[in-house]
Amino acid sequence: MTLRSLIAQITQQDDVNFLLTNRIPRQFLTRFVGWFSQIEHPLVCRLSIALWRLFAQVDLSDAKKTKFRSMHECFTRELKEGARPVDDDPGVLVSPCDAIIGAHGDIEGTTLFQAKGIPYALNELVCDGELASHYRNGYYVTLRLTSGMYHRFHAPYDCEIDQVTYISGDTWNVNPVALRRIPGLFCKNERAVLRTRLSPGNHLIALVPVAAVLVASIRLHFLDVLLHLKYRGPNVIPCKAPFRKGDELGWFQHGSTIIVLAPNGFKLCPQLEQGAVIRMGRRLLMLPLWKL
């Protein structure tokens, strides 16, 4: 048995996984990793990436470059041109990121589910009653990025982002083990709510990047601030940022979750189901045909 397989066997045990990733000084370690990952030293970089690869499946074959100055540069790597073809069908909204499809389905009034039988409130997630009411009886899909995945996220459709709401919070792990044990987890963690209007159609789609342990930092290209644990405002940031389908919006420092909120009428594309791996640019949600 290799060291990597031994580590995987140990950490796949629910109790051990939960203890190692949650019963630790989460915010302190998150800040430390944020600092440490940006050290630009060849030996530190090589050892850090080697250690990271013991715990995660990391594929650099489609990366724009494979030599990095720091672990942070590897985490936030760009891809080769054409590595993620974007579906240009105007009837579909594409995945904004590489991810594993998590909980998804119809929003029951304003109630969503983070795992089977574990609900949470939409207004607690977005902290905006008016926005929450827009998605009453709508649709949601949870996209979970593992630590080894490509960590940049993109516009799911031609759109304009007109507001970002930053919500400071905790840094619980957001893996399936934690989602089964911590009620309202997504509403506890640091997150941003990107209010996005599609063009044409003017559908109001919300993207909610949720931070996690070791990953409490979100960079958006169209804002001149880094959203992280020490950021203290403003909470609501108006903007007017147009994007084409597939354009890069920003990145997580390491990896986490994006929750996509859509109004009534949107549905998950056929052949997609919970647990499936999806790549950025592939079809995710079907737009309501009567509103195209």
Protein backbone atom coordinates (compact mmCIF):
# COMPACT_ATOMS: atom_id res chain seq x y z
CA MET A 1 0.00 0.00 0.00
CA THR A 2 1.37 3.40 -0.97
CA LEU A 3 1.50 6.36 1.42
CA ARG A 4 -1.12 8.14 -0.65
CA SER A 5 -3.56 5.23 -0.54
CA LEU A 6 -2.99 4.86 3.21
CA ILE A 7 -3.76 8.55 3.78
CA ALA A 8 -6.87 8.24 1.59
CA GLN A 9 -8.06 5.21 3.53
CA ILE A 10 -7.66 7.00 6.87
CA THR A 11 -9.20 10.33 5.82
CA GLN A 12 -12.18 8.65 4.14
CA GLN A 13 -13.42 7.56 7.57
CA ASP A 14 -16.14 10.07 8.45
CA ASP A 15 -15.17 10.65 12.09
CA VAL A 16 -11.48 11.10 11.27
CA ASN A 17 -12.21 13.35 8.29
CA PHE A 18 -14.54 15.57 10.32
CA LEU A 19 -12.05 15.81 13.20
CA LEU A 20 -9.07 16.66 10.95
CA THR A 21 -10.89 19.30 8.91
CA ASN A 22 -13.20 20.93 11.45
CA ARG A 23 -12.08 20.40 15.05
CA ILE A 24 -9.04 22.56 14.46
CA PRO A 25 -8.41 26.34 14.77
CA ARG A 26 -10.06 26.88 11.37
CA GLN A 27 -9.64 30.62 10.91
CA PHE A 28 -6.06 30.68 12.19
CA LEU A 29 -5.03 27.84 9.89
CA THR A 30 -6.89 29.41 6.98
CA ARG A 31 -4.94 32.67 7.41
CA PHE A 32 -1.69 30.75 7.86
CA VAL A 33 -2.17 28.66 4.72
CA GLY A 34 -3.11 31.82 2.81
CA TRP A 35 0.24 33.36 3.83
CA PHE A 36 2.34 30.19 3.48
CA SER A 37 0.97 29.27 0.06
CA GLN A 38 2.29 32.54 -1.41
CA ILE A 39 5.92 32.02 -0.36
CA GLU A 40 7.97 32.16 -3.56
CA HIS A 41 10.82 29.77 -2.87
CA PRO A 42 11.57 26.79 -5.15
CA LEU A 43 12.04 24.25 -2.34
CA VAL A 44 9.02 25.41 -0.35
CA CYS A 45 6.92 25.38 -3.51
CA ARG A 46 7.98 21.86 -4.58
CA LEU A 47 7.52 20.36 -1.11
CA SER A 48 4.15 22.07 -0.62
CA ILE A 49 2.79 20.83 -3.95
CA ALA A 50 4.14 17.32 -3.27
CA LEU A 51 2.39 17.26 0.13
CA TRP A 52 -0.82 18.61 -1.40
CA ARG A 53 -0.79 15.85 -4.03
CA LEU A 54 -0.69 13.21 -1.27
CA PHE A 55 -4.14 14.37 -0.16
CA ALA A 56 -5.72 15.32 -3.48
CA GLN A 57 -6.05 14.21 -7.09
CA VAL A 58 -4.22 17.02 -8.90
CA ASP A 59 -4.15 17.00 -12.71
CA LEU A 60 -1.84 19.62 -14.22
CA SER A 61 -1.95 18.17 -17.74
CA ASP A 62 -4.30 20.92 -18.98
CA ALA A 63 -2.60 23.76 -17.08
CA LYS A 64 -1.22 26.69 -19.05
CA LYS A 65 2.12 26.12 -17.32
CA THR A 66 3.43 23.38 -15.07
CA LYS A 67 6.25 25.23 -13.28
CA PHE A 68 5.13 27.53 -10.50
CA ARG A 69 6.71 30.11 -8.20
CA SER A 70 4.47 29.21 -5.25
CA MET A 71 1.79 26.77 -4.16
CA HIS A 72 -0.74 29.61 -4.49
CA GLU A 73 0.18 30.04 -8.16
CA CYS A 74 -0.43 26.32 -8.69
CA PHE A 75 -3.78 26.43 -6.86
CA THR A 76 -5.00 29.35 -8.97
CA ARG A 77 -3.51 28.10 -12.24
CA GLU A 78 -4.89 29.07 -15.63
CA LEU A 79 -5.67 26.48 -18.29
CA LYS A 80 -4.39 25.97 -21.81
CA GLU A 81 -6.33 27.75 -24.53
CA GLY A 82 -9.31 25.59 -25.51
CA ALA A 83 -9.05 23.26 -22.51
CA ARG A 84 -12.65 24.07 -21.53
CA PRO A 85 -14.85 24.48 -24.63
CA VAL A 86 -18.01 26.44 -23.78
CA ASP A 87 -21.38 25.18 -24.99
CA ASP A 88 -22.82 27.98 -27.14
CA ASP A 89 -26.43 26.74 -27.13
CA PRO A 90 -28.53 29.82 -26.16
CA GLY A 91 -30.99 27.52 -24.41
CA VAL A 92 -28.55 26.38 -21.74
CA LEU A 93 -26.71 27.95 -18.85
CA VAL A 94 -23.27 26.36 -18.45
CA SER A 95 -21.39 25.33 -15.35
CA PRO A 96 -19.30 28.25 -14.05
CA CYS A 97 -16.59 25.90 -12.75
CA ASP A 98 -15.18 22.40 -12.64
CA ALA A 99 -17.12 20.65 -9.90
CA ILE A 100 -18.95 17.68 -8.49
CA ILE A 101 -22.72 18.17 -8.62
CA GLY A 102 -24.11 18.17 -5.10
CA ALA A 103 -27.62 18.74 -3.75
CA HIS A 104 -29.94 20.29 -6.33
CA GLY A 105 -33.60 20.57 -7.26
CA ASP A 106 -36.67 22.70 -6.75
CA ILE A 107 -36.54 25.30 -3.99
CA GLU A 108 -39.43 24.45 -1.67
CA GLY A 109 -40.79 27.92 -1.00
CA THR A 110 -37.53 29.42 0.24
CA THR A 111 -36.03 26.18 1.57
CA LEU A 112 -33.03 24.42 -0.01
CA PHE A 113 -31.16 21.30 1.06
CA GLN A 114 -27.41 20.97 1.67
CA ALA A 115 -27.72 17.18 2.01
CA LYS A 116 -30.58 14.69 2.15
CA GLY A 117 -33.00 15.76 4.87
CA ILE A 118 -30.89 18.74 5.98
CA PRO A 119 -32.59 22.02 4.95
CA TYR A 120 -31.42 25.60 5.11
CA ALA A 121 -33.11 28.94 4.47
CA LEU A 122 -32.56 30.90 1.29
CA ASN A 123 -32.80 34.29 2.99
CA GLU A 124 -30.12 33.23 5.50
CA LEU A 125 -27.86 32.25 2.60
CA VAL A 126 -28.14 35.50 0.61
CA CYS A 127 -28.99 37.89 3.50
CA ASP A 128 -31.35 39.80 1.20
CA GLY A 129 -35.09 39.28 1.59
CA GLU A 130 -35.96 40.83 -1.78
CA LEU A 131 -33.45 38.67 -3.64
CA ALA A 132 -34.55 35.56 -1.75
CA SER A 133 -38.19 36.17 -2.73
CA HIS A 134 -37.13 36.23 -6.39
CA TYR A 135 -36.07 32.56 -6.10
CA ARG A 136 -39.14 31.37 -4.20
CA ASN A 137 -40.11 28.01 -5.74
CA GLY A 138 -37.18 28.36 -8.12
CA TYR A 139 -34.27 26.01 -8.71
CA TYR A 140 -30.82 25.52 -7.19
CA VAL A 141 -27.73 23.43 -7.83
CA THR A 142 -24.70 23.01 -5.57
CA LEU A 143 -21.29 22.73 -7.26
CA ARG A 144 -18.48 21.41 -5.06
CA LEU A 145 -14.89 22.02 -6.08
CA THR A 146 -12.38 19.56 -4.64
CA SER A 147 -8.96 20.87 -3.64
CA GLY A 148 -7.24 19.40 -6.70
CA MET A 149 -9.61 20.88 -9.27
CA TYR A 150 -9.22 23.95 -11.47
CA HIS A 151 -10.27 26.78 -9.14
CA ARG A 152 -11.28 29.62 -11.45
CA PHE A 153 -14.94 30.30 -12.17
CA HIS A 154 -16.61 31.81 -15.21
CA ALA A 155 -19.78 33.48 -16.49
CA PRO A 156 -22.48 30.83 -17.06
CA TYR A 157 -24.16 32.93 -19.78
CA ASP A 158 -23.90 36.36 -21.44
CA CYS A 159 -24.66 38.57 -18.47
CA GLU A 160 -24.04 41.67 -16.39
CA ILE A 161 -23.17 41.50 -12.71
CA ASP A 162 -24.79 44.49 -11.04
CA GLN A 163 -24.14 43.78 -7.37
CA VAL A 164 -21.90 41.74 -5.09
CA THR A 165 -22.84 41.15 -1.44
CA TYR A 166 -20.00 39.99 0.79
CA ILE A 167 -20.94 38.09 3.96
CA SER A 168 -18.23 37.42 6.52
CA GLY A 169 -18.44 34.14 8.40
CA ASP A 170 -16.76 30.96 9.55
CA THR A 171 -14.61 28.50 7.63
CA TRP A 172 -16.16 25.07 8.18
CA ASN A 173 -15.21 22.41 5.67
CA VAL A 174 -17.94 22.00 3.04
CA ASN A 175 -17.32 18.36 2.11
CA PRO A 176 -20.14 15.77 2.31
CA VAL A 177 -19.12 14.66 5.81
CA ALA A 178 -19.55 18.18 7.24
CA LEU A 179 -22.73 18.83 5.25
CA ARG A 180 -24.35 15.81 6.90
CA ARG A 181 -23.37 16.98 10.39
CA ILE A 182 -23.63 20.78 10.54
CA PRO A 183 -27.09 22.30 9.94
CA GLY A 184 -27.11 25.50 7.87
CA LEU A 185 -23.42 25.16 7.06
CA PHE A 186 -23.49 27.30 3.90
CA CYS A 187 -25.20 30.06 5.91
CA LYS A 188 -22.43 30.00 8.52
CA ASN A 189 -19.43 30.28 6.19
CA GLU A 190 -17.89 33.30 4.51
CA ARG A 191 -19.43 33.85 1.07
CA ALA A 192 -20.25 36.32 -1.68
CA VAL A 193 -23.53 36.70 -3.57
CA LEU A 194 -23.10 37.74 -7.21
CA ARG A 195 -26.37 39.14 -8.62
CA THR A 196 -26.26 38.40 -12.33
CA ARG A 197 -28.67 39.42 -15.11
CA LEU A 198 -28.63 37.28 -18.23
CA SER A 199 -28.73 38.83 -21.69
CA PRO A 200 -31.05 38.42 -23.51
CA GLY A 201 -33.99 37.47 -21.30
CA ASN A 202 -33.02 39.44 -18.20
CA HIS A 203 -33.25 36.32 -16.00
CA LEU A 204 -31.81 37.08 -12.56
CA ILE A 205 -29.29 34.36 -11.67
CA ALA A 206 -27.30 34.39 -8.44
CA LEU A 207 -23.91 32.75 -8.03
CA VAL A 208 -22.92 32.20 -4.40
CA PRO A 209 -19.23 31.26 -3.95
CA VAL A 210 -18.88 29.82 -0.44
CA ALA A 211 -15.48 29.76 1.26
CA ALA A 212 -14.24 26.91 3.46
CA VAL A 213 -11.40 25.90 5.74
CA LEU A 214 -8.04 26.89 4.18
CA VAL A 215 -9.90 28.65 1.33
CA ALA A 216 -11.46 31.78 2.78
CA SER A 217 -10.48 34.13 -0.01
CA ILE A 218 -12.33 35.04 -3.21
CA ARG A 219 -10.88 37.19 -5.99
CA LEU A 220 -13.23 38.83 -8.51
CA HIS A 221 -11.66 40.46 -11.57
CA PHE A 222 -14.20 43.28 -11.69
CA LEU A 223 -13.61 44.43 -8.08
CA ASP A 224 -10.41 46.03 -6.81
CA VAL A 225 -10.61 44.28 -3.43
CA LEU A 226 -9.80 40.75 -2.28
CA LEU A 227 -12.72 39.31 -0.31
CA HIS A 228 -11.31 37.46 2.69
CA LEU A 229 -11.66 37.01 6.45
CA LYS A 230 -10.11 40.41 7.25
CA TYR A 231 -12.28 42.33 4.78
CA ARG A 232 -14.74 44.52 6.68
CA GLY A 233 -16.78 46.33 4.06
CA PRO A 234 -18.67 47.62 2.35
CA ASN A 235 -21.02 44.68 2.63
CA VAL A 236 -22.94 45.52 -0.56
CA ILE A 237 -20.82 46.50 -3.56
CA PRO A 238 -22.71 47.92 -6.59
CA CYS A 239 -21.05 47.32 -9.93
CA LYS A 240 -21.74 47.12 -13.65
CA ALA A 241 -19.61 44.35 -15.09
CA PRO A 242 -20.60 42.78 -18.45
CA PHE A 243 -19.35 39.30 -19.40
CA ARG A 244 -19.70 36.90 -22.29
CA LYS A 245 -20.56 33.27 -21.67
CA GLY A 246 -17.40 31.52 -20.45
CA ASP A 247 -15.48 34.70 -19.53
CA GLU A 248 -13.47 34.36 -16.34
CA LEU A 249 -15.02 36.04 -13.29
CA GLY A 250 -12.43 35.22 -10.64
CA TRP A 251 -11.10 32.40 -8.50
CA PHE A 252 -11.01 30.72 -5.12
CA GLN A 253 -7.63 30.63 -3.44
CA HIS A 254 -7.86 26.82 -3.12
CA GLY A 255 -11.35 25.42 -3.81
CA SER A 256 -14.80 25.31 -2.26
CA THR A 257 -18.44 25.54 -3.42
CA ILE A 258 -20.62 27.60 -5.75
CA ILE A 259 -24.39 27.55 -5.32
CA VAL A 260 -26.35 28.57 -8.44
CA LEU A 261 -29.81 30.06 -7.81
CA ALA A 262 -32.32 30.34 -10.68
CA PRO A 263 -35.97 31.45 -10.91
CA ASN A 264 -38.86 29.06 -11.45
CA GLY A 265 -38.69 27.28 -14.83
CA PHE A 266 -34.99 26.39 -14.92
CA LYS A 267 -34.11 22.68 -14.71
CA LEU A 268 -30.97 20.56 -14.59
CA CYS A 269 -29.92 19.33 -18.03
CA PRO A 270 -30.63 15.65 -18.79
CA GLN A 271 -27.95 13.05 -17.98
CA LEU A 272 -26.67 15.13 -15.04
CA GLU A 273 -27.16 13.83 -11.52
CA GLN A 274 -25.80 14.20 -8.01
CA GLY A 275 -22.22 12.97 -7.74
CA ALA A 276 -21.44 13.57 -11.43
CA VAL A 277 -18.31 15.51 -12.32
CA ILE A 278 -18.90 18.49 -14.59
CA ARG A 279 -16.39 20.78 -16.24
CA MET A 280 -16.63 24.50 -16.70
CA GLY A 281 -18.46 25.35 -19.91
CA ARG A 282 -20.55 22.19 -20.11
CA ARG A 283 -24.34 22.49 -20.09
CA LEU A 284 -25.79 22.70 -16.60
CA LEU A 285 -29.29 24.24 -16.58
CA MET A 286 -31.93 24.55 -19.27
CA LEU A 287 -33.48 28.01 -19.63
CA PRO A 288 -37.31 28.30 -19.64
CA LEU A 289 -38.18 28.11 -23.35
CA TRP A 290 -41.17 30.43 -23.04
CA LYS A 291 -38.95 33.21 -21.72
CA LEU A 292 -36.05 33.03 -24.18
